[in-house]
C-alpha atoms as a PDB file:
ATOM      1  CA  MET A   1       9.042  23.564  52.207  1.00  0.00           C
ATOM      2  CA  ASN A   2      12.653  22.417  50.391  1.00  0.00           C
ATOM      3  CA  THR A   3      12.194  23.957  47.079  1.00  0.00           C
ATOM      4  CA  GLY A   4      15.642  23.213  45.926  1.00  0.00           C
ATOM      5  CA  GLN A   5      15.047  19.950  45.340  1.00  0.00           C
ATOM      6  CA  ILE A   6      13.132  18.618  42.480  1.00  0.00           C
ATOM      7  CA  GLU A   7      11.610  14.972  43.427  1.00  0.00           C
ATOM      8  CA  PRO A   8      13.097  12.600  41.165  1.00  0.00           C
ATOM      9  CA  GLU A   9       9.553  11.076  40.275  1.00  0.00           C
ATOM     10  CA  ARG A  10       8.971  14.383  38.791  1.00  0.00           C
ATOM     11  CA  VAL A  11      11.869  14.878  36.737  1.00  0.00           C
ATOM     12  CA  GLU A  12      11.224  11.225  34.999  1.00  0.00           C
ATOM     13  CA  SER A  13       7.814  12.395  34.201  1.00  0.00           C
ATOM     14  CA  ALA A  14       8.789  14.966  33.352  1.00  0.00           C
ATOM     15  CA  ALA A  15      11.539  13.242  30.707  1.00  0.00           C
ATOM     16  CA  LEU A  16       8.843  11.614  29.571  1.00  0.00           C
ATOM     17  CA  ASP A  17       7.223  13.776  27.408  1.00  0.00           C
ATOM     18  CA  ALA A  18       3.877  13.968  25.258  1.00  0.00           C
ATOM     19  CA  TYR A  19       6.434  12.791  22.020  1.00  0.00           C
ATOM     20  CA  SER A  20       7.722  10.052  23.721  1.00  0.00           C
ATOM     21  CA  GLN A  21       4.744   9.185  25.558  1.00  0.00           C
ATOM     22  CA  VAL A  22       2.635   8.863  21.945  1.00  0.00           C
ATOM     23  CA  VAL A  23       5.727   6.853  20.326  1.00  0.00           C
ATOM     24  CA  THR A  24       5.571   4.048  23.484  1.00  0.00           C
ATOM     25  CA  ALA A  25       2.232   3.929  23.467  1.00  0.00           C
ATOM     26  CA  VAL A  26       2.284   3.061  19.520  1.00  0.00           C
ATOM     27  CA  ALA A  27       4.777   0.658  19.821  1.00  0.00           C
ATOM     28  CA  GLY A  28       3.448  -1.037  22.772  1.00  0.00           C
ATOM     29  CA  ARG A  29       0.158  -1.851  20.727  1.00  0.00           C
ATOM     30  CA  VAL A  30       1.686  -2.677  17.409  1.00  0.00           C
ATOM     31  CA  LEU A  31       4.910  -4.733  18.061  1.00  0.00           C
ATOM     32  CA  PRO A  32       2.870  -7.999  19.311  1.00  0.00           C
ATOM     33  CA  SER A  33       1.258  -7.615  16.112  1.00  0.00           C
ATOM     34  CA  VAL A  34       4.396  -7.654  13.509  1.00  0.00           C
ATOM     35  CA  ALA A  35       6.533 -10.696  13.189  1.00  0.00           C
ATOM     36  CA  ALA A  36       9.951 -11.407  11.348  1.00  0.00           C
ATOM     37  CA  LEU A  37       9.960 -13.432   8.506  1.00  0.00           C
ATOM     38  CA  SER A  38      12.335 -15.727   7.261  1.00  0.00           C
ATOM     39  CA  VAL A  39      11.958 -17.545   3.504  1.00  0.00           C
ATOM     40  CA  GLN A  40      14.073 -19.843   1.611  1.00  0.00           C
ATOM     41  CA  THR A  41      13.956 -19.345  -2.472  1.00  0.00           C
ATOM     42  CA  ALA A  42      15.831 -20.700  -5.364  1.00  0.00           C
ATOM     43  CA  ARG A  43      18.226 -17.269  -5.622  1.00  0.00           C
ATOM     44  CA  GLY A  44      18.721 -18.215  -1.214  1.00  0.00           C
ATOM     45  CA  ALA A  45      17.453 -16.790   2.175  1.00  0.00           C
ATOM     46  CA  GLY A  46      15.461 -13.674   2.395  1.00  0.00           C
ATOM     47  CA  ALA A  47      13.898 -11.592   5.722  1.00  0.00           C
ATOM     48  CA  GLY A  48      11.610  -9.359   6.588  1.00  0.00           C
ATOM     49  CA  SER A  49       8.655  -8.322   8.593  1.00  0.00           C
ATOM     50  CA  ALA A  50       4.877  -8.815   8.493  1.00  0.00           C
ATOM     51  CA  VAL A  51       2.112  -7.461  10.415  1.00  0.00           C
ATOM     52  CA  THR A  52      -0.899  -9.679  11.499  1.00  0.00           C
ATOM     53  CA  PHE A  53      -3.735  -8.295  10.612  1.00  0.00           C
ATOM     54  CA  THR A  54      -6.699 -10.411  11.355  1.00  0.00           C
ATOM     55  CA  ASP A  55      -7.343 -12.973  14.827  1.00  0.00           C
ATOM     56  CA  ASP A  56      -6.882 -15.862  11.886  1.00  0.00           C
ATOM     57  CA  GLY A  57      -3.491 -15.704  11.290  1.00  0.00           C
ATOM     58  CA  PHE A  58      -3.221 -13.630   8.502  1.00  0.00           C
ATOM     59  CA  LEU A  59      -0.490 -11.327   7.612  1.00  0.00           C
ATOM     60  CA  LEU A  60       0.568  -8.518   5.786  1.00  0.00           C
ATOM     61  CA  THR A  61       3.708  -8.322   3.983  1.00  0.00           C
ATOM     62  CA  SER A  62       5.604  -6.544   0.995  1.00  0.00           C
ATOM     63  CA  ALA A  63       4.931  -8.753  -1.614  1.00  0.00           C
ATOM     64  CA  HIS A  64       8.950  -7.984  -2.380  1.00  0.00           C
ATOM     65  CA  VAL A  65       9.595  -9.923   0.804  1.00  0.00           C
ATOM     66  CA  VAL A  66       7.705 -13.133  -0.273  1.00  0.00           C
ATOM     67  CA  THR A  67       8.931 -13.271  -4.246  1.00  0.00           C
ATOM     68  CA  GLY A  68       9.814 -16.357  -5.268  1.00  0.00           C
ATOM     69  CA  ALA A  69       8.256 -18.111  -2.074  1.00  0.00           C
ATOM     70  CA  GLN A  70       5.323 -20.320  -1.057  1.00  0.00           C
ATOM     71  CA  GLY A  71       5.873 -20.334   2.604  1.00  0.00           C
ATOM     72  CA  GLY A  72       8.630 -20.046   5.186  1.00  0.00           C
ATOM     73  CA  LEU A  73       9.174 -18.900   8.919  1.00  0.00           C
ATOM     74  CA  ALA A  74       7.466 -16.094  11.096  1.00  0.00           C
ATOM     75  CA  THR A  75       9.025 -15.168  14.735  1.00  0.00           C
ATOM     76  CA  PHE A  76       6.712 -13.742  16.456  1.00  0.00           C
ATOM     77  CA  GLY A  77       8.273 -10.589  19.651  1.00  0.00           C
ATOM     78  CA  ASP A  78       7.735 -13.161  22.199  1.00  0.00           C
ATOM     79  CA  GLY A  79       9.651 -15.433  21.075  1.00  0.00           C
ATOM     80  CA  ALA A  80       7.253 -17.737  19.126  1.00  0.00           C
ATOM     81  CA  GLU A  81       7.650 -19.207  15.593  1.00  0.00           C
ATOM     82  CA  ALA A  82       5.044 -20.314  12.899  1.00  0.00           C
ATOM     83  CA  ARG A  83       4.992 -21.476   9.726  1.00  0.00           C
ATOM     84  CA  PHE A  84       3.372 -19.441   6.907  1.00  0.00           C
ATOM     85  CA  ASP A  85       2.369 -20.219   3.461  1.00  0.00           C
ATOM     86  CA  VAL A  86       1.988 -17.775   1.259  1.00  0.00           C
ATOM     87  CA  VAL A  87      -2.001 -17.082   0.630  1.00  0.00           C
ATOM     88  CA  GLY A  88      -1.271 -14.593  -2.179  1.00  0.00           C
ATOM     89  CA  ALA A  89       1.474 -12.019  -3.794  1.00  0.00           C
ATOM     90  CA  ASP A  90       0.321  -9.078  -6.019  1.00  0.00           C
ATOM     91  CA  PRO A  91       3.964  -7.128  -7.186  1.00  0.00           C
ATOM     92  CA  LEU A  92       2.093  -4.603  -8.552  1.00  0.00           C
ATOM     93  CA  SER A  93       0.986  -3.052  -5.292  1.00  0.00           C
ATOM     94  CA  ASP A  94       4.285  -4.646  -3.494  1.00  0.00           C
ATOM     95  CA  LEU A  95       1.857  -6.363  -0.761  1.00  0.00           C
ATOM     96  CA  ALA A  96       1.338  -9.801   0.102  1.00  0.00           C
ATOM     97  CA  VAL A  97      -0.712 -12.103   2.061  1.00  0.00           C
ATOM     98  CA  LEU A  98       0.360 -14.992   4.301  1.00  0.00           C
ATOM     99  CA  ARG A  99      -1.193 -17.816   6.550  1.00  0.00           C
ATOM    100  CA  ALA A 100       0.249 -18.588   9.704  1.00  0.00           C
ATOM    101  CA  ARG A 101       0.200 -21.934  10.951  1.00  0.00           C
ATOM    102  CA  THR A 102       1.622 -24.367  13.885  1.00  0.00           C
ATOM    103  CA  THR A 103       3.546 -27.039  12.785  1.00  0.00           C
ATOM    104  CA  GLY A 104       0.132 -29.147  13.769  1.00  0.00           C
ATOM    105  CA  GLY A 105      -1.497 -27.341  10.764  1.00  0.00           C
ATOM    106  CA  GLN A 106      -3.771 -25.083  12.816  1.00  0.00           C
ATOM    107  CA  VAL A 107      -3.712 -21.674  12.795  1.00  0.00           C
ATOM    108  CA  THR A 108      -1.738 -19.999  15.396  1.00  0.00           C
ATOM    109  CA  ASP A 109      -3.212 -17.356  18.024  1.00  0.00           C
ATOM    110  CA  THR A 110       0.176 -16.434  19.470  1.00  0.00           C
ATOM    111  CA  ALA A 111      -0.118 -12.513  17.285  1.00  0.00           C
ATOM    112  CA  GLN A 112      -2.038  -9.590  18.361  1.00  0.00           C
ATOM    113  CA  ARG A 113      -3.681  -8.220  15.409  1.00  0.00           C
ATOM    114  CA  ALA A 114      -3.371  -5.027  14.094  1.00  0.00           C
ATOM    115  CA  GLU A 115      -5.917  -2.265  13.457  1.00  0.00           C
ATOM    116  CA  LEU A 116      -5.929  -1.058   9.719  1.00  0.00           C
ATOM    117  CA  GLY A 117      -5.869   2.619   9.359  1.00  0.00           C
ATOM    118  CA  ASP A 118      -6.575   4.899   6.868  1.00  0.00           C
ATOM    119  CA  ALA A 119      -3.702   6.466   4.672  1.00  0.00           C
ATOM    120  CA  ASP A 120      -5.539   8.762   2.689  1.00  0.00           C
ATOM    121  CA  GLY A 121      -6.277  11.259   5.739  1.00  0.00           C
ATOM    122  CA  LEU A 122      -2.443  11.444   6.936  1.00  0.00           C
ATOM    123  CA  GLN A 123      -1.007  14.947   6.840  1.00  0.00           C
ATOM    124  CA  VAL A 124       1.959  16.343   6.157  1.00  0.00           C
ATOM    125  CA  GLY A 125       3.842  16.439   9.503  1.00  0.00           C
ATOM    126  CA  GLN A 126       2.016  14.076  10.680  1.00  0.00           C
ATOM    127  CA  LEU A 127       3.703  12.192  13.435  1.00  0.00           C
ATOM    128  CA  VAL A 128       4.026   8.684  12.038  1.00  0.00           C
ATOM    129  CA  VAL A 129       6.230   4.885  13.783  1.00  0.00           C
ATOM    130  CA  ALA A 130       7.479   2.246  11.335  1.00  0.00           C
ATOM    131  CA  VAL A 131       7.535  -0.963  13.615  1.00  0.00           C
ATOM    132  CA  GLY A 132       9.470  -3.836  12.196  1.00  0.00           C
ATOM    133  CA  ASN A 133      11.003  -7.286  13.228  1.00  0.00           C
ATOM    134  CA  PRO A 134      14.230  -7.052  11.428  1.00  0.00           C
ATOM    135  CA  MET A 135      17.126  -9.537  11.386  1.00  0.00           C
ATOM    136  CA  GLY A 136      15.407 -11.632  14.062  1.00  0.00           C
ATOM    137  CA  LEU A 137      15.643  -9.181  16.924  1.00  0.00           C
ATOM    138  CA  ALA A 138      12.890  -8.558  19.239  1.00  0.00           C
ATOM    139  CA  GLY A 139      11.174  -5.860  17.346  1.00  0.00           C
ATOM    140  CA  SER A 140      12.430  -2.126  15.853  1.00  0.00           C
ATOM    141  CA  VAL A 141      10.618   1.459  16.641  1.00  0.00           C
ATOM    142  CA  SER A 142      11.605   4.550  15.178  1.00  0.00           C
ATOM    143  CA  ALA A 143       9.497   7.419  15.141  1.00  0.00           C
ATOM    144  CA  GLY A 144       9.158  10.688  12.287  1.00  0.00           C
ATOM    145  CA  VAL A 145       7.084  12.614  10.439  1.00  0.00           C
ATOM    146  CA  VAL A 146       5.484  12.169   7.472  1.00  0.00           C
ATOM    147  CA  SER A 147       7.398  14.100   5.103  1.00  0.00           C
ATOM    148  CA  GLY A 148       5.675  13.607   1.433  1.00  0.00           C
ATOM    149  CA  LEU A 149       2.077  12.396   0.578  1.00  0.00           C
ATOM    150  CA  ARG A 150       1.279  11.102  -3.231  1.00  0.00           C
ATOM    151  CA  ARG A 151       4.650   9.996  -3.868  1.00  0.00           C
ATOM    152  CA  SER A 152       4.833   6.670  -6.483  1.00  0.00           C
ATOM    153  CA  LEU A 153       6.794   4.409  -6.558  1.00  0.00           C
ATOM    154  CA  PRO A 154       7.438   1.625  -9.992  1.00  0.00           C
ATOM    155  CA  ALA A 155       6.612  -1.183  -9.464  1.00  0.00           C
ATOM    156  CA  ARG A 156       7.055  -4.259 -12.320  1.00  0.00           C
ATOM    157  CA  ASP A 157       5.372  -7.738 -12.541  1.00  0.00           C
ATOM    158  CA  GLY A 158       6.733  -9.539 -14.927  1.00  0.00           C
ATOM    159  CA  ARG A 159       5.897  -6.938 -18.353  1.00  0.00           C
ATOM    160  CA  HIS A 160       3.704  -5.464 -17.017  1.00  0.00           C
ATOM    161  CA  VAL A 161       4.830  -1.622 -15.248  1.00  0.00           C
ATOM    162  CA  ARG A 162       2.889   1.019 -13.082  1.00  0.00           C
ATOM    163  CA  LEU A 163       3.407   3.544 -10.357  1.00  0.00           C
ATOM    164  CA  ILE A 164       1.781   1.773  -7.147  1.00  0.00           C
ATOM    165  CA  ASP A 165       0.574   6.043  -5.975  1.00  0.00           C
ATOM    166  CA  ASP A 166      -0.141   7.560  -3.210  1.00  0.00           C
ATOM    167  CA  VAL A 167       2.972   6.246  -1.642  1.00  0.00           C
ATOM    168  CA  ILE A 168       3.733   7.611   1.736  1.00  0.00           C
ATOM    169  CA  GLN A 169       7.346   8.954   2.238  1.00  0.00           C
ATOM    170  CA  THR A 170       8.790   9.286   6.207  1.00  0.00           C
ATOM    171  CA  ASP A 171      11.930  10.149   7.929  1.00  0.00           C
ATOM    172  CA  ALA A 172      11.274   7.778  10.356  1.00  0.00           C
ATOM    173  CA  ALA A 173      14.669   5.175  10.030  1.00  0.00           C
ATOM    174  CA  LEU A 174      13.886   2.529   8.569  1.00  0.00           C
ATOM    175  CA  ASN A 175      16.434  -0.878   9.273  1.00  0.00           C
ATOM    176  CA  PRO A 176      17.132  -3.765   7.385  1.00  0.00           C
ATOM    177  CA  GLY A 177      14.561  -6.173   7.224  1.00  0.00           C
ATOM    178  CA  ASN A 178      11.792  -3.401   8.256  1.00  0.00           C
ATOM    179  CA  SER A 179       9.866  -4.272   4.562  1.00  0.00           C
ATOM    180  CA  GLY A 180       7.124  -5.467   5.417  1.00  0.00           C
ATOM    181  CA  GLY A 181       6.577  -3.711   9.010  1.00  0.00           C
ATOM    182  CA  ALA A 182       4.293  -1.375   9.827  1.00  0.00           C
ATOM    183  CA  LEU A 183       3.963   1.989   9.249  1.00  0.00           C
ATOM    184  CA  ALA A 184       1.468   3.577  12.235  1.00  0.00           C
ATOM    185  CA  ASP A 185      -0.166   6.684  13.207  1.00  0.00           C
ATOM    186  CA  SER A 186      -0.456   8.252  16.705  1.00  0.00           C
ATOM    187  CA  ALA A 187      -3.776   6.087  17.742  1.00  0.00           C
ATOM    188  CA  GLY A 188      -1.446   2.693  16.411  1.00  0.00           C
ATOM    189  CA  ARG A 189      -3.574   2.801  13.434  1.00  0.00           C
ATOM    190  CA  VAL A 190      -1.495   0.594  10.742  1.00  0.00           C
ATOM    191  CA  VAL A 191      -1.204   3.119   7.705  1.00  0.00           C
ATOM    192  CA  GLY A 192       1.305   1.813   5.555  1.00  0.00           C
ATOM    193  CA  ILE A 193       3.541  -1.090   4.976  1.00  0.00           C
ATOM    194  CA  ASN A 194       7.202  -0.334   5.089  1.00  0.00           C
ATOM    195  CA  THR A 195       8.413  -0.845   1.275  1.00  0.00           C
ATOM    196  CA  ALA A 196      11.796   0.568   0.622  1.00  0.00           C
ATOM    197  CA  VAL A 197      14.734   2.748   1.707  1.00  0.00           C
ATOM    198  CA  ALA A 198      13.986   6.218  -0.636  1.00  0.00           C
ATOM    199  CA  GLY A 199      17.282   7.499   0.151  1.00  0.00           C
ATOM    200  CA  TYR A 200      19.253   9.352   3.741  1.00  0.00           C
ATOM    201  CA  GLY A 201      16.722   9.582   6.637  1.00  0.00           C
ATOM    202  CA  LEU A 202      13.710   8.603   4.309  1.00  0.00           C
ATOM    203  CA  GLY A 203      11.487   5.503   3.433  1.00  0.00           C
ATOM    204  CA  LEU A 204       8.205   4.721   1.821  1.00  0.00           C
ATOM    205  CA  ALA A 205       5.789   3.062   2.287  1.00  0.00           C
ATOM    206  CA  VAL A 206       2.400   1.835   0.498  1.00  0.00           C
ATOM    207  CA  PRO A 207      -0.596   3.049   1.857  1.00  0.00           C
ATOM    208  CA  ILE A 208      -3.515   0.909   3.771  1.00  0.00           C
ATOM    209  CA  ASN A 209      -7.085   3.053   2.178  1.00  0.00           C
ATOM    210  CA  ALA A 210      -9.881   1.625  -0.003  1.00  0.00           C
ATOM    211  CA  THR A 211      -7.648   0.795  -3.056  1.00  0.00           C
ATOM    212  CA  THR A 212      -4.995  -1.378  -0.810  1.00  0.00           C
ATOM    213  CA  ARG A 213      -8.245  -2.771   1.142  1.00  0.00           C
ATOM    214  CA  GLN A 214      -9.880  -4.184  -1.694  1.00  0.00           C
ATOM    215  CA  ILE A 215      -6.214  -5.370  -2.941  1.00  0.00           C
ATOM    216  CA  ILE A 216      -6.078  -6.955   0.505  1.00  0.00           C
ATOM    217  CA  SER A 217      -9.826  -8.535   0.361  1.00  0.00           C
ATOM    218  CA  GLU A 218      -8.929  -9.959  -3.128  1.00  0.00           C
ATOM    219  CA  LEU A 219      -5.272 -11.535  -1.895  1.00  0.00           C
ATOM    220  CA  VAL A 220      -7.185 -13.202   1.072  1.00  0.00           C
ATOM    221  CA  THR A 221     -10.174 -14.709  -1.495  1.00  0.00           C
ATOM    222  CA  ASN A 222      -8.910 -15.953  -4.609  1.00  0.00           C
ATOM    223  CA  GLY A 223      -5.118 -15.569  -4.024  1.00  0.00           C
ATOM    224  CA  ARG A 224      -4.138 -13.415  -6.828  1.00  0.00           C
ATOM    225  CA  VAL A 225      -5.355  -9.582  -7.804  1.00  0.00           C
ATOM    226  CA  ARG A 226      -7.170  -9.655 -10.924  1.00  0.00           C
ATOM    227  CA  ARG A 227      -7.124  -6.126 -13.192  1.00  0.00           C
ATOM    228  CA  ALA A 228      -8.777  -5.132 -15.668  1.00  0.00           C
ATOM    229  CA  TRP A 229      -7.315  -3.421 -19.174  1.00  0.00           C
ATOM    230  CA  LEU A 230      -8.203  -0.542 -21.479  1.00  0.00           C
ATOM    231  CA  GLY A 231      -5.335  -0.580 -23.863  1.00  0.00           C
ATOM    232  CA  VAL A 232      -5.016   3.149 -23.775  1.00  0.00           C
ATOM    233  CA  ALA A 233      -1.950   5.069 -22.434  1.00  0.00           C
ATOM    234  CA  GLY A 234      -2.096   9.291 -21.708  1.00  0.00           C
ATOM    235  CA  SER A 235      -0.897  11.714 -19.636  1.00  0.00           C
ATOM    236  CA  PRO A 236      -2.518  14.313 -17.597  1.00  0.00           C
ATOM    237  CA  VAL A 237      -2.918  17.808 -19.291  1.00  0.00           C
ATOM    238  CA  PRO A 238      -4.668  21.103 -18.747  1.00  0.00           C
ATOM    239  CA  LEU A 239      -8.612  21.168 -19.388  1.00  0.00           C
ATOM    240  CA  PRO A 240     -10.118  24.571 -20.990  1.00  0.00           C
ATOM    241  CA  PRO A 241     -11.504  27.354 -18.501  1.00  0.00           C
ATOM    242  CA  GLN A 242     -14.574  26.218 -20.055  1.00  0.00           C
ATOM    243  CA  VAL A 243     -14.590  22.580 -19.294  1.00  0.00           C
ATOM    244  CA  ALA A 244     -12.885  22.635 -16.285  1.00  0.00           C
ATOM    245  CA  GLU A 245     -16.015  24.785 -15.178  1.00  0.00           C
ATOM    246  CA  ARG A 246     -18.344  23.087 -16.377  1.00  0.00           C
ATOM    247  CA  THR A 247     -16.796  19.442 -14.904  1.00  0.00           C
ATOM    248  CA  GLY A 248     -15.489  21.049 -11.710  1.00  0.00           C
ATOM    249  CA  GLN A 249     -11.841  19.429 -12.335  1.00  0.00           C
ATOM    250  CA  ARG A 250      -8.769  21.311 -13.580  1.00  0.00           C
ATOM    251  CA  LEU A 251      -6.991  18.275 -15.619  1.00  0.00           C
ATOM    252  CA  GLY A 252      -8.158  15.315 -17.815  1.00  0.00           C
ATOM    253  CA  LEU A 253      -6.291  12.367 -19.283  1.00  0.00           C
ATOM    254  CA  ARG A 254      -4.405  13.022 -23.003  1.00  0.00           C
ATOM    255  CA  VAL A 255      -4.528   9.130 -24.624  1.00  0.00           C
ATOM    256  CA  ALA A 256      -1.920   9.416 -26.302  1.00  0.00           C
ATOM    257  CA  GLU A 257      -1.423   5.300 -27.565  1.00  0.00           C
ATOM    258  CA  VAL A 258      -4.571   3.037 -28.790  1.00  0.00           C
ATOM    259  CA  VAL A 259      -3.474  -0.320 -28.790  1.00  0.00           C
ATOM    260  CA  PRO A 260      -5.381  -2.183 -31.961  1.00  0.00           C
ATOM    261  CA  GLY A 261      -8.692  -4.669 -30.771  1.00  0.00           C
ATOM    262  CA  SER A 262      -7.963  -3.350 -27.100  1.00  0.00           C
ATOM    263  CA  PRO A 263     -11.587  -2.300 -25.552  1.00  0.00           C
ATOM    264  CA  ALA A 264     -10.911   1.247 -25.530  1.00  0.00           C
ATOM    265  CA  GLY A 265      -9.833   1.309 -29.674  1.00  0.00           C
ATOM    266  CA  ALA A 266     -13.643  -0.790 -30.591  1.00  0.00           C
ATOM    267  CA  ALA A 267     -15.459   1.683 -28.327  1.00  0.00           C
ATOM    268  CA  GLY A 268     -13.800   4.444 -30.750  1.00  0.00           C
ATOM    269  CA  ILE A 269     -11.454   6.170 -28.320  1.00  0.00           C
ATOM    270  CA  TYR A 270      -8.760   7.729 -30.711  1.00  0.00           C
ATOM    271  CA  LEU A 271      -5.454   9.662 -30.161  1.00  0.00           C
ATOM    272  CA  GLY A 272      -5.653  12.880 -28.956  1.00  0.00           C
ATOM    273  CA  ASP A 273      -8.872  12.098 -26.588  1.00  0.00           C
ATOM    274  CA  VAL A 274      -8.504  13.716 -23.773  1.00  0.00           C
ATOM    275  CA  ILE A 275     -10.671  11.599 -20.939  1.00  0.00           C
ATOM    276  CA  ILE A 276     -12.304  13.306 -18.350  1.00  0.00           C
ATOM    277  CA  SER A 277     -14.476  10.729 -16.378  1.00  0.00           C
ATOM    278  CA  ALA A 278     -14.458   7.335 -16.321  1.00  0.00           C
ATOM    279  CA  GLY A 279     -17.508   4.784 -14.892  1.00  0.00           C
ATOM    280  CA  GLY A 280     -18.961   8.994 -13.432  1.00  0.00           C
ATOM    281  CA  ARG A 281     -15.999   9.128 -11.349  1.00  0.00           C
ATOM    282  CA  PRO A 282     -12.720  12.337 -12.030  1.00  0.00           C
ATOM    283  CA  VAL A 283      -9.405  11.003 -14.694  1.00  0.00           C
ATOM    284  CA  GLN A 284      -7.220  13.113 -13.630  1.00  0.00           C
ATOM    285  CA  SER A 285      -4.396  10.833 -13.900  1.00  0.00           C
ATOM    286  CA  VAL A 286      -3.042   7.262 -15.334  1.00  0.00           C
ATOM    287  CA  GLN A 287      -3.404   6.437 -11.703  1.00  0.00           C
ATOM    288  CA  ALA A 288      -6.757   7.770 -11.173  1.00  0.00           C
ATOM    289  CA  LEU A 289      -7.694   4.641 -14.217  1.00  0.00           C
ATOM    290  CA  LEU A 290      -5.987   2.078 -12.819  1.00  0.00           C
ATOM    291  CA  LYS A 291      -7.561   2.270  -9.534  1.00  0.00           C
ATOM    292  CA  LEU A 292     -10.936   1.681 -11.757  1.00  0.00           C
ATOM    293  CA  MET A 293      -8.779  -1.451 -13.182  1.00  0.00           C
ATOM    294  CA  LEU A 294      -9.237  -3.342 -10.100  1.00  0.00           C
ATOM    295  CA  GLY A 295     -11.138  -7.092 -10.177  1.00  0.00           C
ATOM    296  CA  PRO A 296     -14.663  -5.759 -10.784  1.00  0.00           C
ATOM    297  CA  ALA A 297     -14.158  -3.879 -13.883  1.00  0.00           C
ATOM    298  CA  ILE A 298     -13.215  -6.977 -15.698  1.00  0.00           C
ATOM    299  CA  GLY A 299     -16.479  -7.955 -18.120  1.00  0.00           C
ATOM    300  CA  THR A 300     -18.606  -4.956 -17.424  1.00  0.00           C
ATOM    301  CA  ARG A 301     -19.780  -2.205 -19.010  1.00  0.00           C
ATOM    302  CA  LEU A 302     -17.571   1.227 -18.396  1.00  0.00           C
ATOM    303  CA  PRO A 303     -18.878   4.309 -19.591  1.00  0.00           C
ATOM    304  CA  ILE A 304     -16.172   6.812 -20.308  1.00  0.00           C
ATOM    305  CA  THR A 305     -16.521  10.862 -21.265  1.00  0.00           C
ATOM    306  CA  VAL A 306     -14.154  12.173 -23.859  1.00  0.00           C
ATOM    307  CA  LEU A 307     -13.321  15.504 -25.125  1.00  0.00           C
ATOM    308  CA  ARG A 308     -12.729  15.631 -28.593  1.00  0.00           C
ATOM    309  CA  ARG A 309     -12.186  18.729 -30.912  1.00  0.00           C
ATOM    310  CA  GLY A 310     -13.646  20.751 -27.961  1.00  0.00           C
ATOM    311  CA  ALA A 311     -17.030  18.624 -27.430  1.00  0.00           C
ATOM    312  CA  LEU A 312     -18.163  15.916 -24.544  1.00  0.00           C
ATOM    313  CA  VAL A 313     -18.088  12.448 -25.693  1.00  0.00           C
ATOM    314  CA  ASP A 314     -19.850   9.546 -23.479  1.00  0.00           C
ATOM    315  CA  VAL A 315     -18.362   5.548 -25.364  1.00  0.00           C
ATOM    316  CA  VAL A 316     -18.969   2.514 -23.631  1.00  0.00           C
ATOM    317  CA  THR A 317     -15.971   0.190 -23.023  1.00  0.00           C
ATOM    318  CA  VAL A 318     -15.879  -3.258 -21.910  1.00  0.00           C
ATOM    319  CA  PRO A 319     -12.332  -4.290 -19.884  1.00  0.00           C
ATOM    320  CA  THR A 320     -10.811  -7.236 -20.088  1.00  0.00           C
ATOM    321  CA  GLU A 321      -8.740  -9.208 -17.507  1.00  0.00           C
ATOM    322  CA  LEU A 322      -5.162  -8.000 -18.236  1.00  0.00           C
ATOM    323  CA  ALA A 323      -2.933 -11.292 -19.623  1.00  0.00           C
ATOM    324  CA  ALA A 324      -0.350 -12.482 -16.789  1.00  0.00           C
ATOM    325  CA  ARG A 325       2.242 -12.611 -17.383  1.00  0.00           C
END
């Protein structure tokens, strides 16, 4: 037996360690689902990435990648090209849905559908892989960890400004053109859509969770996202100990503004009230209230519990549709 030599096969196997095996497996699973996008608008040419998420040619990307465009060209990893139409975009979540087609008008079957995961299960320190198709190259893969959760990213749609909440922060490098690409977990499930570089070595991704799945569904079905409007503004405040114990929550939303004639004003919500819950769900932040303001809330009765002068008071609002810009 020659103990002074190590078999080359064993050396190669040792080099491809567990970390590398995971990243390689994720890349192999997700890359066929990712396309490079090329768009042309009045402001000039633009580029980004997109993720195929259905078997019939729907792709998911960042809204800012296709701002001002009605369509463009998608190039897949195997070199296949397909024109796409912008089905709908939602700047307030920075998500957009596209539909890829061949020149004959049929939906392309070139791409492989990615599996969408759930970002709500992520933990800080967890391995993630950023996959894009930037600058028309044949795919870009970078690995890192979740370095922060529940970050906020400002988004604007005309005069409306809101925060995209639960944004994922990662140290997986994002290259130019990676916006709209996939952030995947170690199982190859897409848990986020890469959206921005937050600084040197840091990237941000819009999470895939119950809220964004609802947004995606509305974009596919209606081409836009309808949001309800209450007409209140506020900020989180600690609840008195006895109220916190009774309700099981630590924070509420103190009302700092009520728009005259708004649904909140008509329902009898006043300055200084602290919103405890809406529709039976705890409200501990502005984002928690905004989550309830998607399409189904429009024109329906929404019971709200507020803390007023030490007492819990129930009111009923009927949110109206947020006017388009």
